[in-house]
Amino acid sequence: MMPIQDSTIQIPVDTRLAMIATLKQSLEVGDHILHICQVDKFLGDESKKGLYAWNGFSKVATAIEG
């Protein structure tokens, strides 16, 4: 894990894209809860490979496998 500057959270070291957000409100909507957030910061590192879930989340891999 790595700390985020000016934040109390940490994210995984190999993260390609992250959003730092502040929860503003939570509402019950039927049998769901809607979380309304303010996005404070986007972080990105294009040198990292993006990972995706495949086969109903039974596999995690890059979009292009070699």
Protein backbone atom coordinates (compact mmCIF):
# COMPACT_ATOMS: atom_id res chain seq x y z
CA MET A 1 0.00 0.00 0.00
CA MET A 2 1.11 3.57 -0.57
CA PRO A 3 -0.07 6.75 1.16
CA ILE A 4 -1.74 9.55 -0.78
CA GLN A 5 -0.38 13.06 -0.29
CA ASP A 6 -2.82 15.34 1.61
CA SER A 7 -5.08 12.37 2.42
CA THR A 8 -5.51 9.83 5.22
CA ILE A 9 -6.10 6.89 2.83
CA GLN A 10 -3.74 4.47 1.13
CA ILE A 11 -4.11 2.71 -2.23
CA PRO A 12 -2.44 -0.42 -3.66
CA VAL A 13 1.03 0.29 -5.10
CA ASP A 14 0.14 -1.02 -8.59
CA THR A 15 -2.99 1.15 -9.00
CA ARG A 16 -3.43 2.56 -12.52
CA LEU A 17 -6.33 4.92 -11.74
CA ALA A 18 -7.86 6.05 -8.46
CA MET A 19 -10.39 8.65 -7.38
CA ILE A 20 -10.20 10.30 -3.98
CA ALA A 21 -13.71 11.25 -2.92
CA THR A 22 -15.61 12.70 0.04
CA LEU A 23 -18.96 11.18 0.97
CA LYS A 24 -21.59 13.94 0.99
CA GLN A 25 -24.82 12.00 1.52
CA SER A 26 -26.28 8.48 1.63
CA LEU A 27 -29.90 7.85 0.64
CA GLU A 28 -32.06 4.74 0.79
CA VAL A 29 -33.46 4.13 -2.68
CA GLY A 30 -35.73 1.09 -2.58
CA ASP A 31 -33.56 -1.83 -1.49
CA HIS A 32 -30.32 0.01 -2.39
CA ILE A 33 -28.27 2.78 -0.83
CA LEU A 34 -27.20 5.67 -3.08
CA HIS A 35 -23.94 7.32 -2.03
CA ILE A 36 -23.42 10.88 -3.27
CA CYS A 37 -19.76 11.87 -3.32
CA GLN A 38 -17.60 14.80 -4.30
CA VAL A 39 -14.53 13.73 -6.29
CA ASP A 40 -11.59 15.59 -4.78
CA LYS A 41 -8.71 14.20 -6.84
CA PHE A 42 -7.93 11.78 -9.69
CA LEU A 43 -4.66 9.87 -9.60
CA GLY A 44 -3.24 8.00 -12.57
CA ASP A 45 -0.11 6.12 -13.53
CA GLU A 46 -0.02 5.11 -17.20
CA SER A 47 2.99 2.87 -16.58
CA LYS A 48 0.75 0.42 -14.65
CA LYS A 49 -1.42 -2.14 -16.45
CA GLY A 50 -5.16 -1.92 -15.93
CA LEU A 51 -6.79 -5.04 -14.53
CA TYR A 52 -10.30 -6.25 -15.42
CA ALA A 53 -12.60 -8.94 -14.08
CA TRP A 54 -13.38 -11.82 -16.47
CA ASN A 55 -15.72 -14.82 -16.37
CA GLY A 56 -18.05 -13.47 -13.72
CA PHE A 57 -15.19 -12.14 -11.59
CA SER A 58 -13.52 -15.57 -11.39
CA LYS A 59 -10.39 -14.19 -13.11
CA VAL A 60 -8.55 -10.86 -12.95
CA ALA A 61 -6.24 -9.98 -15.83
CA THR A 62 -5.21 -7.23 -18.23
CA ALA A 63 -7.44 -6.49 -21.21
CA ILE A 64 -4.80 -7.91 -23.60
CA GLU A 65 -3.20 -11.13 -22.49
CA GLY A 66 -0.02 -12.31 -24.18
